[in-house]
Amino acid sequence: MRKMYLFFSHQLTSSQYQEAKEKWGVEEFVSLPPHLQKLFSEVPPEIEDLSEYIRPFISFILETYKKEDLILLQGEYGIVYKLVNISKSIGIIPIYSTTVRKIVEKKVKGKVVKVSEFSHVLFRRY
């Protein structure tokens, strides 16, 4: 049973679920526990070396992964870079979501407001 670990700050869209299941063979989606999600979503910018900071994420992965599982990694660049490398070294496939952006202009109370709408296109391997 292939799993997809979700290391990002959003909820999967229906098209992302569908692609993960149909194209990648994912049968189980593994979200970060709340305390790890908070750490992943709020990385302090003043930390110079992330080696200690990422240890809980590495432990979480190592406790449950199987070779050829997927890990969706999108977030703070330093953590993503380190986790991509670690994932590859243990046989997990790191991926990210590509999107198309549509800019919509709306008039709101006499002002023009630009809203960016993002739509999932596909998952791509790192």
Protein backbone atom coordinates (compact mmCIF):
# COMPACT_ATOMS: atom_id res chain seq x y z
CA MET A 1 0.00 0.00 0.00
CA ARG A 2 1.62 3.24 -1.17
CA LYS A 3 1.39 6.25 1.13
CA MET A 4 1.75 9.95 0.44
CA TYR A 5 3.16 12.02 3.28
CA LEU A 6 1.79 15.57 3.26
CA PHE A 7 4.46 18.11 4.18
CA PHE A 8 2.80 21.38 3.24
CA SER A 9 0.44 23.97 4.73
CA HIS A 10 -2.71 23.47 2.68
CA GLN A 11 -5.40 20.86 2.18
CA LEU A 12 -5.20 18.69 -0.92
CA THR A 13 -7.67 19.63 -3.64
CA SER A 14 -9.94 17.04 -5.23
CA SER A 15 -7.79 17.05 -8.38
CA GLN A 16 -4.67 16.41 -6.29
CA TYR A 17 -6.36 13.49 -4.51
CA GLN A 18 -7.49 12.09 -7.83
CA GLU A 19 -4.06 12.32 -9.46
CA ALA A 20 -2.33 10.84 -6.40
CA LYS A 21 -4.65 7.84 -6.45
CA GLU A 22 -4.91 7.27 -10.20
CA LYS A 23 -1.45 8.21 -11.50
CA TRP A 24 0.73 7.50 -8.46
CA GLY A 25 -1.18 4.60 -6.86
CA VAL A 26 -1.59 6.27 -3.47
CA GLU A 27 -3.90 4.43 -1.11
CA GLU A 28 -3.23 6.34 2.12
CA PHE A 29 -2.58 10.02 2.83
CA VAL A 30 -0.49 10.73 5.94
CA SER A 31 -0.81 14.22 7.42
CA LEU A 32 1.65 15.58 9.91
CA PRO A 33 0.52 15.42 13.54
CA PRO A 34 -0.64 18.87 14.72
CA HIS A 35 2.57 19.68 16.65
CA LEU A 36 4.72 18.85 13.60
CA GLN A 37 2.38 20.72 11.25
CA LYS A 38 2.83 23.83 13.39
CA LEU A 39 6.63 23.43 13.29
CA PHE A 40 6.58 22.91 9.51
CA SER A 41 4.28 25.88 8.85
CA GLU A 42 6.07 28.34 11.17
CA VAL A 43 9.81 27.88 10.68
CA PRO A 44 11.62 30.65 12.62
CA PRO A 45 13.59 32.76 10.11
CA GLU A 46 16.42 33.44 12.57
CA ILE A 47 17.61 29.81 12.76
CA GLU A 48 20.89 29.51 10.83
CA ASP A 49 21.24 25.70 10.87
CA LEU A 50 18.09 23.62 10.48
CA SER A 51 19.72 20.27 11.32
CA GLU A 52 18.23 20.06 14.82
CA TYR A 53 14.93 21.63 13.80
CA ILE A 54 14.21 18.91 11.22
CA ARG A 55 14.95 15.94 13.50
CA PRO A 56 11.28 15.47 14.52
CA PHE A 57 10.28 15.33 10.84
CA ILE A 58 12.94 12.75 10.06
CA SER A 59 11.85 10.63 13.04
CA PHE A 60 8.22 10.82 11.90
CA ILE A 61 9.15 9.60 8.42
CA LEU A 62 11.47 6.84 9.61
CA GLU A 63 8.83 5.42 11.96
CA THR A 64 6.31 4.64 9.21
CA TYR A 65 7.71 4.90 5.68
CA LYS A 66 8.16 2.17 3.12
CA LYS A 67 10.40 2.41 0.09
CA GLU A 68 8.61 4.00 -2.89
CA ASP A 69 6.17 5.97 -0.71
CA LEU A 70 5.68 9.57 -1.80
CA ILE A 71 6.33 12.75 0.15
CA LEU A 72 4.68 15.97 -1.00
CA LEU A 73 7.11 18.70 0.05
CA GLN A 74 6.26 22.37 -0.29
CA GLY A 75 7.20 25.01 2.24
CA GLU A 76 10.23 26.80 3.68
CA TYR A 77 13.05 26.29 1.19
CA GLY A 78 15.74 25.13 3.61
CA ILE A 79 13.60 22.42 5.20
CA VAL A 80 12.26 21.30 1.82
CA TYR A 81 15.80 21.03 0.43
CA LYS A 82 17.01 18.95 3.38
CA LEU A 83 13.94 16.69 3.41
CA VAL A 84 14.12 16.12 -0.36
CA ASN A 85 17.71 14.89 0.01
CA ILE A 86 16.90 12.70 3.02
CA SER A 87 13.84 11.26 1.27
CA LYS A 88 15.83 10.34 -1.82
CA SER A 89 18.52 8.68 0.31
CA ILE A 90 15.99 6.32 1.96
CA GLY A 91 13.91 5.53 -1.12
CA ILE A 92 10.93 7.87 -0.65
CA ILE A 93 9.90 9.76 -3.80
CA PRO A 94 9.78 13.53 -3.14
CA ILE A 95 7.25 15.44 -5.25
CA TYR A 96 5.67 18.89 -5.48
CA SER A 97 2.54 20.29 -7.07
CA THR A 98 2.69 22.43 -10.19
CA THR A 99 -0.06 24.98 -10.70
CA VAL A 100 -1.47 27.42 -13.19
CA ARG A 101 -2.30 30.89 -11.91
CA LYS A 102 -5.22 32.94 -13.14
CA ILE A 103 -5.41 36.60 -12.14
CA VAL A 104 -8.91 37.97 -11.73
CA GLU A 105 -9.59 41.67 -11.31
CA LYS A 106 -12.64 42.66 -9.30
CA LYS A 107 -14.06 46.06 -8.46
CA VAL A 108 -14.61 46.38 -4.74
CA LYS A 109 -15.96 49.67 -3.33
CA GLY A 110 -14.51 51.73 -6.16
CA LYS A 111 -11.14 50.00 -6.12
CA VAL A 112 -9.68 47.32 -8.37
CA VAL A 113 -8.56 44.24 -6.47
CA LYS A 114 -6.45 41.52 -8.10
CA VAL A 115 -7.06 37.98 -6.91
CA SER A 116 -4.79 35.08 -7.85
CA GLU A 117 -6.51 31.73 -8.35
CA PHE A 118 -4.22 28.69 -8.42
CA SER A 119 -5.24 25.38 -9.98
CA HIS A 120 -3.32 22.11 -9.68
CA VAL A 121 -1.80 20.82 -12.91
CA LEU A 122 0.33 17.83 -11.88
CA PHE A 123 2.73 16.43 -9.32
CA ARG A 124 6.38 16.57 -10.37
CA ARG A 125 9.36 14.69 -8.91
CA TYR A 126 12.14 16.70 -7.35
